Amino acid sequence: MFDVLGDVNWIGVLVAFLALSLLGGVWFAVLFGKQYNTSLGRDASAKPVGSPLFYAGPPLMSLVVTVTSAVLMAALKIESFSDALVFGLVVGIGYLVANTVTIAINPNFPRPLLYSLVSGSYNLVGSLLAVTLLVSI
């Protein structure tokens, strides 16, 4: 069943990965930066401290999520937009959002529900964006 690496559209993976990485930068730096900072107990206008891990980690994980979705879509033979959107919702809600909420529910997150809302919605939108690109390219 998982002998599908040859069936994966690697150009689609590259485009979806780049789009997902761009979405993350816009989501957390432009659209919801203040809410994200607040969810972490920081001043709303705080600027992140840049480090190699800060810049490389999220895109690398976006690549992992994109490749995983592409492999699963190839194994499940998902080729239509409607099937891709259902898959994106199942993965987005069932794994990405649920895992985000689970991570946020611990004493280190002062505003776990806000963090879950900001990060979980990014994960859901990102999942839908990635699968749409994977099926259309």
Protein backbone atom coordinates (compact mmCIF):
# COMPACT_ATOMS: atom_id res chain seq x y z
CA MET A 1 0.00 0.00 0.00
CA PHE A 2 2.75 2.50 0.80
CA ASP A 3 4.90 1.75 -2.21
CA VAL A 4 3.71 5.06 -3.62
CA LEU A 5 6.74 7.36 -3.64
CA GLY A 6 6.82 7.08 -7.43
CA ASP A 7 3.19 8.21 -7.53
CA VAL A 8 3.81 11.36 -5.50
CA ASN A 9 3.74 14.59 -7.49
CA TRP A 10 7.01 16.08 -6.25
CA ILE A 11 6.45 19.36 -8.09
CA GLY A 12 3.13 19.62 -6.22
CA VAL A 13 4.97 18.86 -2.97
CA LEU A 14 7.44 21.67 -3.65
CA VAL A 15 4.70 24.19 -4.49
CA ALA A 16 2.54 23.16 -1.50
CA PHE A 17 5.56 23.28 0.83
CA LEU A 18 6.48 26.78 -0.32
CA ALA A 19 2.86 27.96 0.00
CA LEU A 20 2.53 26.44 3.48
CA SER A 21 5.80 28.06 4.60
CA LEU A 22 4.70 31.42 3.23
CA LEU A 23 1.31 31.06 4.91
CA GLY A 24 3.04 30.39 8.24
CA GLY A 25 5.14 33.52 7.98
CA VAL A 26 2.17 35.69 7.07
CA TRP A 27 -0.12 34.04 9.63
CA PHE A 28 2.16 34.41 12.63
CA ALA A 29 4.01 37.61 11.71
CA VAL A 30 1.36 39.71 9.98
CA LEU A 31 -2.19 38.45 10.53
CA PHE A 32 -2.14 37.04 14.06
CA GLY A 33 1.23 38.04 15.53
CA LYS A 34 -0.30 40.00 18.41
CA GLN A 35 -2.74 37.23 19.32
CA TYR A 36 0.03 34.64 19.07
CA ASN A 37 2.27 36.66 21.41
CA THR A 38 -0.62 37.13 23.86
CA SER A 39 -1.33 33.39 23.82
CA LEU A 40 2.27 32.78 24.89
CA GLY A 41 2.14 35.36 27.68
CA ARG A 42 4.32 37.88 25.85
CA ASP A 43 3.69 41.54 25.20
CA ALA A 44 1.49 41.76 22.09
CA SER A 45 4.07 43.83 20.21
CA ALA A 46 7.08 41.68 21.17
CA LYS A 47 9.40 40.77 18.32
CA PRO A 48 10.67 37.18 18.09
CA VAL A 49 14.30 36.45 18.81
CA GLY A 50 15.68 35.02 15.59
CA SER A 51 17.82 31.90 15.64
CA PRO A 52 18.66 29.24 13.07
CA LEU A 53 16.06 26.95 14.67
CA PHE A 54 13.44 29.74 14.57
CA TYR A 55 13.96 30.25 10.83
CA ALA A 56 14.60 26.65 9.73
CA GLY A 57 12.34 24.62 12.05
CA PRO A 58 8.86 25.67 10.90
CA PRO A 59 9.61 25.34 7.16
CA LEU A 60 11.24 21.96 7.75
CA MET A 61 8.16 20.75 9.62
CA SER A 62 5.96 22.18 6.84
CA LEU A 63 7.93 20.00 4.43
CA VAL A 64 7.34 16.94 6.62
CA VAL A 65 3.59 17.63 6.81
CA THR A 66 3.39 18.24 3.05
CA VAL A 67 5.30 15.07 2.11
CA THR A 68 3.21 13.04 4.58
CA SER A 69 -0.03 14.36 3.10
CA ALA A 70 1.22 13.71 -0.44
CA VAL A 71 2.20 10.12 0.39
CA LEU A 72 -1.14 9.42 2.07
CA MET A 73 -3.04 11.01 -0.81
CA ALA A 74 -1.15 8.84 -3.30
CA ALA A 75 -1.78 5.71 -1.22
CA LEU A 76 -5.48 6.54 -0.93
CA LYS A 77 -5.64 7.57 -4.61
CA ILE A 78 -7.08 10.97 -3.81
CA GLU A 79 -7.30 12.82 -7.11
CA SER A 80 -10.40 15.04 -6.94
CA PHE A 81 -10.80 18.40 -5.22
CA SER A 82 -13.71 17.17 -3.14
CA ASP A 83 -11.81 14.13 -1.89
CA ALA A 84 -8.75 16.30 -1.23
CA LEU A 85 -10.80 18.76 0.82
CA VAL A 86 -12.31 15.96 2.89
CA PHE A 87 -8.84 14.52 3.42
CA GLY A 88 -7.52 17.98 4.36
CA LEU A 89 -10.31 18.41 6.89
CA VAL A 90 -9.79 14.96 8.41
CA VAL A 91 -6.02 15.45 8.72
CA GLY A 92 -6.34 19.11 9.68
CA ILE A 93 -8.90 18.60 12.43
CA GLY A 94 -8.16 15.02 13.43
CA TYR A 95 -4.39 15.29 13.70
CA LEU A 96 -3.06 18.82 13.37
CA VAL A 97 -5.67 20.79 15.34
CA ALA A 98 -6.15 18.03 17.92
CA ASN A 99 -2.39 17.79 18.46
CA THR A 100 -2.07 21.58 18.72
CA VAL A 101 -4.75 21.69 21.42
CA THR A 102 -3.13 18.80 23.28
CA ILE A 103 0.25 20.57 23.24
CA ALA A 104 -1.31 23.85 24.43
CA ILE A 105 -3.05 22.26 27.42
CA ASN A 106 -0.16 22.34 29.84
CA PRO A 107 1.02 24.79 32.50
CA ASN A 108 3.54 26.44 30.14
CA PHE A 109 0.85 28.03 27.98
CA PRO A 110 -0.82 30.89 29.84
CA ARG A 111 -3.63 31.17 27.24
CA PRO A 112 -4.04 27.62 25.85
CA LEU A 113 -7.39 28.25 24.15
CA LEU A 114 -6.12 31.36 22.36
CA TYR A 115 -2.96 29.50 21.34
CA SER A 116 -5.12 26.62 20.09
CA LEU A 117 -7.31 28.99 18.12
CA VAL A 118 -4.42 30.85 16.46
CA SER A 119 -2.18 27.84 15.80
CA GLY A 120 -4.93 25.30 15.23
CA SER A 121 -6.66 27.46 12.64
CA TYR A 122 -3.32 27.92 10.86
CA ASN A 123 -2.89 24.15 10.79
CA LEU A 124 -6.38 23.61 9.40
CA VAL A 125 -6.08 26.31 6.72
CA GLY A 126 -2.59 25.07 5.90
CA SER A 127 -3.80 21.50 5.53
CA LEU A 128 -6.57 22.59 3.16
CA LEU A 129 -4.16 24.76 1.17
CA ALA A 130 -1.57 22.00 0.85
CA VAL A 131 -3.99 19.27 -0.25
CA THR A 132 -5.66 21.61 -2.73
CA LEU A 133 -2.30 22.37 -4.30
CA LEU A 134 -1.24 18.71 -4.21
CA VAL A 135 -4.32 17.63 -6.13
CA SER A 136 -4.30 20.52 -8.62
CA ILE A 137 -0.66 20.57 -9.76
